[in-house]
Amino acid sequence: MLTWGRCCGKPCIRGMRLTVGRVLSQIGAGESIEELLVDYPYLEKEDILQSLQYAAWLAQGYEIALN
């Protein structure tokens, strides 16, 4: 589950002070999901998968009307 409002308004994972961007940058640098789970033992595999889904959603360029 992604949470807003912590970490200067950046999306973070389950209310923790771990941003989605940090997780994605480590995956982009070649770290595996298993390595991330060792580095951050409080993470679950689902947290990482949801971060990837969020990145895919952003890459598709969807816009949300806020009126």
PDB file of N, CA and C in Angstrom:
ATOM      1  N   MET A   1       0.840  -1.173   0.000  1.00  0.00           N
ATOM      2  CA  MET A   1       0.000   0.000   0.000  1.00  0.00           C
ATOM      3  C   MET A   1       0.888   1.240   0.000  1.00  0.00           C
ATOM      4  N   LEU A   2       0.602   2.149  -0.885  1.00  0.00           N
ATOM      5  CA  LEU A   2       1.345   3.401  -0.943  1.00  0.00           C
ATOM      6  C   LEU A   2       0.637   4.448  -0.109  1.00  0.00           C
ATOM      7  N   THR A   3       1.406   5.300   0.541  1.00  0.00           N
ATOM      8  CA  THR A   3       0.866   6.329   1.414  1.00  0.00           C
ATOM      9  C   THR A   3       1.426   7.675   1.000  1.00  0.00           C
ATOM     10  N   TRP A   4       0.601   8.702   1.058  1.00  0.00           N
ATOM     11  CA  TRP A   4       1.032  10.068   0.769  1.00  0.00           C
ATOM     12  C   TRP A   4       1.128  10.840   2.076  1.00  0.00           C
ATOM     13  N   GLY A   5       1.919  11.901   2.093  1.00  0.00           N
ATOM     14  CA  GLY A   5       1.934  12.796   3.228  1.00  0.00           C
ATOM     15  C   GLY A   5       3.182  12.736   4.085  1.00  0.00           C
ATOM     16  N   ARG A   6       3.969  11.734   3.953  1.00  0.00           N
ATOM     17  CA  ARG A   6       5.249  11.664   4.656  1.00  0.00           C
ATOM     18  C   ARG A   6       6.346  11.972   3.645  1.00  0.00           C
ATOM     19  N   CYS A   7       7.525  12.139   4.118  1.00  0.00           N
ATOM     20  CA  CYS A   7       8.684  12.307   3.228  1.00  0.00           C
ATOM     21  C   CYS A   7       8.468  13.458   2.236  1.00  0.00           C
ATOM     22  N   CYS A   8       8.060  14.600   2.751  1.00  0.00           N
ATOM     23  CA  CYS A   8       7.874  15.811   1.932  1.00  0.00           C
ATOM     24  C   CYS A   8       6.855  15.614   0.820  1.00  0.00           C
ATOM     25  N   GLY A   9       5.815  14.844   1.060  1.00  0.00           N
ATOM     26  CA  GLY A   9       4.753  14.643   0.088  1.00  0.00           C
ATOM     27  C   GLY A   9       5.037  13.595  -0.967  1.00  0.00           C
ATOM     28  N   LYS A  10       6.176  12.935  -0.884  1.00  0.00           N
ATOM     29  CA  LYS A  10       6.494  11.874  -1.849  1.00  0.00           C
ATOM     30  C   LYS A  10       5.781  10.588  -1.438  1.00  0.00           C
ATOM     31  N   PRO A  11       5.407   9.764  -2.416  1.00  0.00           N
ATOM     32  CA  PRO A  11       4.756   8.503  -2.061  1.00  0.00           C
ATOM     33  C   PRO A  11       5.724   7.608  -1.292  1.00  0.00           C
ATOM     34  N   CYS A  12       5.240   7.052  -0.199  1.00  0.00           N
ATOM     35  CA  CYS A  12       6.069   6.159   0.598  1.00  0.00           C
ATOM     36  C   CYS A  12       5.310   4.859   0.839  1.00  0.00           C
ATOM     37  N   ILE A  13       6.013   3.900   1.371  1.00  0.00           N
ATOM     38  CA  ILE A  13       5.463   2.565   1.508  1.00  0.00           C
ATOM     39  C   ILE A  13       4.854   2.370   2.893  1.00  0.00           C
ATOM     40  N   ARG A  14       3.578   2.066   2.939  1.00  0.00           N
ATOM     41  CA  ARG A  14       2.823   1.756   4.156  1.00  0.00           C
ATOM     42  C   ARG A  14       3.096   2.712   5.314  1.00  0.00           C
ATOM     43  N   GLY A  15       3.208   3.984   5.020  1.00  0.00           N
ATOM     44  CA  GLY A  15       3.387   4.965   6.071  1.00  0.00           C
ATOM     45  C   GLY A  15       4.789   5.028   6.647  1.00  0.00           C
ATOM     46  N   MET A  16       5.688   4.231   6.115  1.00  0.00           N
ATOM     47  CA  MET A  16       7.078   4.244   6.581  1.00  0.00           C
ATOM     48  C   MET A  16       7.810   5.424   5.952  1.00  0.00           C
ATOM     49  N   ARG A  17       8.962   5.721   6.451  1.00  0.00           N
ATOM     50  CA  ARG A  17       9.772   6.777   5.865  1.00  0.00           C
ATOM     51  C   ARG A  17      10.703   6.215   4.802  1.00  0.00           C
ATOM     52  N   LEU A  18      10.166   5.336   4.001  1.00  0.00           N
ATOM     53  CA  LEU A  18      10.881   4.757   2.866  1.00  0.00           C
ATOM     54  C   LEU A  18      10.085   5.105   1.617  1.00  0.00           C
ATOM     55  N   THR A  19      10.692   5.910   0.741  1.00  0.00           N
ATOM     56  CA  THR A  19       9.954   6.367  -0.435  1.00  0.00           C
ATOM     57  C   THR A  19       9.952   5.306  -1.530  1.00  0.00           C
ATOM     58  N   VAL A  20       8.923   5.387  -2.342  1.00  0.00           N
ATOM     59  CA  VAL A  20       8.824   4.529  -3.517  1.00  0.00           C
ATOM     60  C   VAL A  20      10.019   4.788  -4.430  1.00  0.00           C
ATOM     61  N   GLY A  21      10.408   6.056  -4.541  1.00  0.00           N
ATOM     62  CA  GLY A  21      11.549   6.405  -5.387  1.00  0.00           C
ATOM     63  C   GLY A  21      12.837   5.723  -4.974  1.00  0.00           C
ATOM     64  N   ARG A  22      13.069   5.601  -3.666  1.00  0.00           N
ATOM     65  CA  ARG A  22      14.284   4.930  -3.196  1.00  0.00           C
ATOM     66  C   ARG A  22      14.272   3.459  -3.601  1.00  0.00           C
ATOM     67  N   VAL A  23      13.141   2.807  -3.421  1.00  0.00           N
ATOM     68  CA  VAL A  23      13.022   1.397  -3.794  1.00  0.00           C
ATOM     69  C   VAL A  23      13.233   1.229  -5.296  1.00  0.00           C
ATOM     70  N   LEU A  24      12.586   2.090  -6.086  1.00  0.00           N
ATOM     71  CA  LEU A  24      12.709   1.979  -7.543  1.00  0.00           C
ATOM     72  C   LEU A  24      14.132   2.266  -8.023  1.00  0.00           C
ATOM     73  N   SER A  25      14.804   3.216  -7.382  1.00  0.00           N
ATOM     74  CA  SER A  25      16.168   3.529  -7.815  1.00  0.00           C
ATOM     75  C   SER A  25      17.104   2.366  -7.514  1.00  0.00           C
ATOM     76  N   GLN A  26      16.869   1.665  -6.427  1.00  0.00           N
ATOM     77  CA  GLN A  26      17.713   0.514  -6.120  1.00  0.00           C
ATOM     78  C   GLN A  26      17.458  -0.634  -7.087  1.00  0.00           C
ATOM     79  N   ILE A  27      16.220  -0.823  -7.480  1.00  0.00           N
ATOM     80  CA  ILE A  27      15.920  -1.840  -8.494  1.00  0.00           C
ATOM     81  C   ILE A  27      16.558  -1.440  -9.824  1.00  0.00           C
ATOM     82  N   GLY A  28      16.464  -0.154 -10.162  1.00  0.00           N
ATOM     83  CA  GLY A  28      17.077   0.335 -11.394  1.00  0.00           C
ATOM     84  C   GLY A  28      18.591   0.194 -11.401  1.00  0.00           C
ATOM     85  N   ALA A  29      19.188   0.193 -10.223  1.00  0.00           N
ATOM     86  CA  ALA A  29      20.638   0.029 -10.114  1.00  0.00           C
ATOM     87  C   ALA A  29      21.053  -1.440 -10.146  1.00  0.00           C
ATOM     88  N   GLY A  30      20.069  -2.322 -10.266  1.00  0.00           N
ATOM     89  CA  GLY A  30      20.379  -3.736 -10.420  1.00  0.00           C
ATOM     90  C   GLY A  30      20.149  -4.595  -9.189  1.00  0.00           C
ATOM     91  N   GLU A  31      19.660  -4.003  -8.116  1.00  0.00           N
ATOM     92  CA  GLU A  31      19.401  -4.788  -6.914  1.00  0.00           C
ATOM     93  C   GLU A  31      18.134  -5.621  -7.121  1.00  0.00           C
ATOM     94  N   SER A  32      18.176  -6.849  -6.688  1.00  0.00           N
ATOM     95  CA  SER A  32      17.015  -7.732  -6.856  1.00  0.00           C
ATOM     96  C   SER A  32      16.005  -7.510  -5.732  1.00  0.00           C
ATOM     97  N   ILE A  33      14.811  -8.019  -5.949  1.00  0.00           N
ATOM     98  CA  ILE A  33      13.776  -7.938  -4.920  1.00  0.00           C
ATOM     99  C   ILE A  33      14.254  -8.639  -3.654  1.00  0.00           C
ATOM    100  N   GLU A  34      14.889  -9.787  -3.819  1.00  0.00           N
ATOM    101  CA  GLU A  34      15.383 -10.537  -2.662  1.00  0.00           C
ATOM    102  C   GLU A  34      16.416  -9.727  -1.884  1.00  0.00           C
ATOM    103  N   GLU A  35      17.304  -9.011  -2.599  1.00  0.00           N
ATOM    104  CA  GLU A  35      18.304  -8.177  -1.922  1.00  0.00           C
ATOM    105  C   GLU A  35      17.642  -7.029  -1.164  1.00  0.00           C
ATOM    106  N   LEU A  36      16.623  -6.430  -1.761  1.00  0.00           N
ATOM    107  CA  LEU A  36      15.896  -5.364  -1.077  1.00  0.00           C
ATOM    108  C   LEU A  36      15.233  -5.874   0.204  1.00  0.00           C
ATOM    109  N   LEU A  37      14.692  -7.078   0.154  1.00  0.00           N
ATOM    110  CA  LEU A  37      14.045  -7.639   1.327  1.00  0.00           C
ATOM    111  C   LEU A  37      15.045  -7.905   2.448  1.00  0.00           C
ATOM    112  N   VAL A  38      16.292  -8.192   2.086  1.00  0.00           N
ATOM    113  CA  VAL A  38      17.341  -8.361   3.097  1.00  0.00           C
ATOM    114  C   VAL A  38      17.756  -6.998   3.646  1.00  0.00           C
ATOM    115  N   ASP A  39      17.921  -6.009   2.748  1.00  0.00           N
ATOM    116  CA  ASP A  39      18.328  -4.661   3.165  1.00  0.00           C
ATOM    117  C   ASP A  39      17.272  -3.985   4.042  1.00  0.00           C
ATOM    118  N   TYR A  40      16.010  -4.235   3.738  1.00  0.00           N
ATOM    119  CA  TYR A  40      14.893  -3.626   4.457  1.00  0.00           C
ATOM    120  C   TYR A  40      13.987  -4.751   4.970  1.00  0.00           C
ATOM    121  N   PRO A  41      14.318  -5.360   6.095  1.00  0.00           N
ATOM    122  CA  PRO A  41      13.564  -6.529   6.565  1.00  0.00           C
ATOM    123  C   PRO A  41      12.103  -6.249   6.901  1.00  0.00           C
ATOM    124  N   TYR A  42      11.741  -4.985   7.066  1.00  0.00           N
ATOM    125  CA  TYR A  42      10.349  -4.632   7.354  1.00  0.00           C
ATOM    126  C   TYR A  42       9.509  -4.533   6.088  1.00  0.00           C
ATOM    127  N   LEU A  43      10.132  -4.617   4.916  1.00  0.00           N
ATOM    128  CA  LEU A  43       9.391  -4.620   3.654  1.00  0.00           C
ATOM    129  C   LEU A  43       8.853  -6.011   3.362  1.00  0.00           C
ATOM    130  N   GLU A  44       7.797  -6.029   2.585  1.00  0.00           N
ATOM    131  CA  GLU A  44       7.261  -7.284   2.073  1.00  0.00           C
ATOM    132  C   GLU A  44       7.375  -7.249   0.552  1.00  0.00           C
ATOM    133  N   LYS A  45       7.398  -8.405  -0.056  1.00  0.00           N
ATOM    134  CA  LYS A  45       7.504  -8.472  -1.511  1.00  0.00           C
ATOM    135  C   LYS A  45       6.393  -7.664  -2.174  1.00  0.00           C
ATOM    136  N   GLU A  46       5.200  -7.710  -1.609  1.00  0.00           N
ATOM    137  CA  GLU A  46       4.062  -6.970  -2.163  1.00  0.00           C
ATOM    138  C   GLU A  46       4.320  -5.459  -2.188  1.00  0.00           C
ATOM    139  N   ASP A  47       5.054  -4.943  -1.204  1.00  0.00           N
ATOM    140  CA  ASP A  47       5.400  -3.519  -1.184  1.00  0.00           C
ATOM    141  C   ASP A  47       6.214  -3.145  -2.420  1.00  0.00           C
ATOM    142  N   ILE A  48       7.167  -3.986  -2.753  1.00  0.00           N
ATOM    143  CA  ILE A  48       8.032  -3.716  -3.901  1.00  0.00           C
ATOM    144  C   ILE A  48       7.251  -3.849  -5.199  1.00  0.00           C
ATOM    145  N   LEU A  49       6.402  -4.861  -5.287  1.00  0.00           N
ATOM    146  CA  LEU A  49       5.594  -5.044  -6.492  1.00  0.00           C
ATOM    147  C   LEU A  49       4.628  -3.877  -6.700  1.00  0.00           C
ATOM    148  N   GLN A  50       4.051  -3.366  -5.615  1.00  0.00           N
ATOM    149  CA  GLN A  50       3.160  -2.211  -5.744  1.00  0.00           C
ATOM    150  C   GLN A  50       3.933  -0.963  -6.161  1.00  0.00           C
ATOM    151  N   SER A  51       5.173  -0.834  -5.712  1.00  0.00           N
ATOM    152  CA  SER A  51       6.010   0.284  -6.147  1.00  0.00           C
ATOM    153  C   SER A  51       6.251   0.217  -7.655  1.00  0.00           C
ATOM    154  N   LEU A  52       6.505  -0.976  -8.146  1.00  0.00           N
ATOM    155  CA  LEU A  52       6.705  -1.152  -9.594  1.00  0.00           C
ATOM    156  C   LEU A  52       5.421  -0.869 -10.366  1.00  0.00           C
ATOM    157  N   GLN A  53       4.287  -1.288  -9.828  1.00  0.00           N
ATOM    158  CA  GLN A  53       3.008  -1.003 -10.485  1.00  0.00           C
ATOM    159  C   GLN A  53       2.741   0.495 -10.518  1.00  0.00           C
ATOM    160  N   TYR A  54       3.074   1.186  -9.455  1.00  0.00           N
ATOM    161  CA  TYR A  54       2.909   2.637  -9.401  1.00  0.00           C
ATOM    162  C   TYR A  54       3.779   3.315 -10.466  1.00  0.00           C
ATOM    163  N   ALA A  55       5.019   2.868 -10.592  1.00  0.00           N
ATOM    164  CA  ALA A  55       5.915   3.435 -11.611  1.00  0.00           C
ATOM    165  C   ALA A  55       5.370   3.186 -13.014  1.00  0.00           C
ATOM    166  N   ALA A  56       4.831   2.012 -13.249  1.00  0.00           N
ATOM    167  CA  ALA A  56       4.246   1.709 -14.556  1.00  0.00           C
ATOM    168  C   ALA A  56       3.049   2.609 -14.832  1.00  0.00           C
ATOM    169  N   TRP A  57       2.232   2.826 -13.823  1.00  0.00           N
ATOM    170  CA  TRP A  57       1.070   3.697 -13.969  1.00  0.00           C
ATOM    171  C   TRP A  57       1.509   5.116 -14.311  1.00  0.00           C
ATOM    172  N   LEU A  58       2.534   5.612 -13.618  1.00  0.00           N
ATOM    173  CA  LEU A  58       3.044   6.968 -13.911  1.00  0.00           C
ATOM    174  C   LEU A  58       3.611   7.049 -15.320  1.00  0.00           C
ATOM    175  N   ALA A  59       4.299   6.024 -15.751  1.00  0.00           N
ATOM    176  CA  ALA A  59       4.926   6.023 -17.078  1.00  0.00           C
ATOM    177  C   ALA A  59       3.888   6.049 -18.194  1.00  0.00           C
ATOM    178  N   GLN A  60       2.682   5.573 -17.899  1.00  0.00           N
ATOM    179  CA  GLN A  60       1.634   5.591 -18.909  1.00  0.00           C
ATOM    180  C   GLN A  60       1.023   6.966 -19.098  1.00  0.00           C
ATOM    181  N   GLY A  61       1.323   7.888 -18.190  1.00  0.00           N
ATOM    182  CA  GLY A  61       0.927   9.278 -18.360  1.00  0.00           C
ATOM    183  C   GLY A  61      -0.524   9.586 -18.057  1.00  0.00           C
ATOM    184  N   TYR A  62      -1.155   8.839 -17.183  1.00  0.00           N
ATOM    185  CA  TYR A  62      -2.523   9.131 -16.811  1.00  0.00           C
ATOM    186  C   TYR A  62      -2.592  10.413 -15.993  1.00  0.00           C
ATOM    187  N   GLU A  63      -3.681  11.138 -16.163  1.00  0.00           N
ATOM    188  CA  GLU A  63      -3.909  12.350 -15.383  1.00  0.00           C
ATOM    189  C   GLU A  63      -5.180  12.185 -14.577  1.00  0.00           C
ATOM    190  N   ILE A  64      -5.192  12.776 -13.410  1.00  0.00           N
ATOM    191  CA  ILE A  64      -6.376  12.718 -12.557  1.00  0.00           C
ATOM    192  C   ILE A  64      -6.895  14.145 -12.358  1.00  0.00           C
ATOM    193  N   ALA A  65      -8.163  14.350 -12.673  1.00  0.00           N
ATOM    194  CA  ALA A  65      -8.762  15.674 -12.463  1.00  0.00           C
ATOM    195  C   ALA A  65      -9.034  15.863 -10.982  1.00  0.00           C
ATOM    196  N   LEU A  66      -8.639  17.014 -10.454  1.00  0.00           N
ATOM    197  CA  LEU A  66      -8.800  17.271  -9.023  1.00  0.00           C
ATOM    198  C   LEU A  66      -9.881  18.295  -8.726  1.00  0.00           C
ATOM    199  N   ASN A  67     -10.883  18.450  -9.598  1.00  0.00           N
ATOM    200  CA  ASN A  67     -11.928  19.426  -9.309  1.00  0.00           C
ATOM    201  C   ASN A  67     -13.035  18.832  -8.539  1.00  0.00           C
TER     202      ASN A  67
END
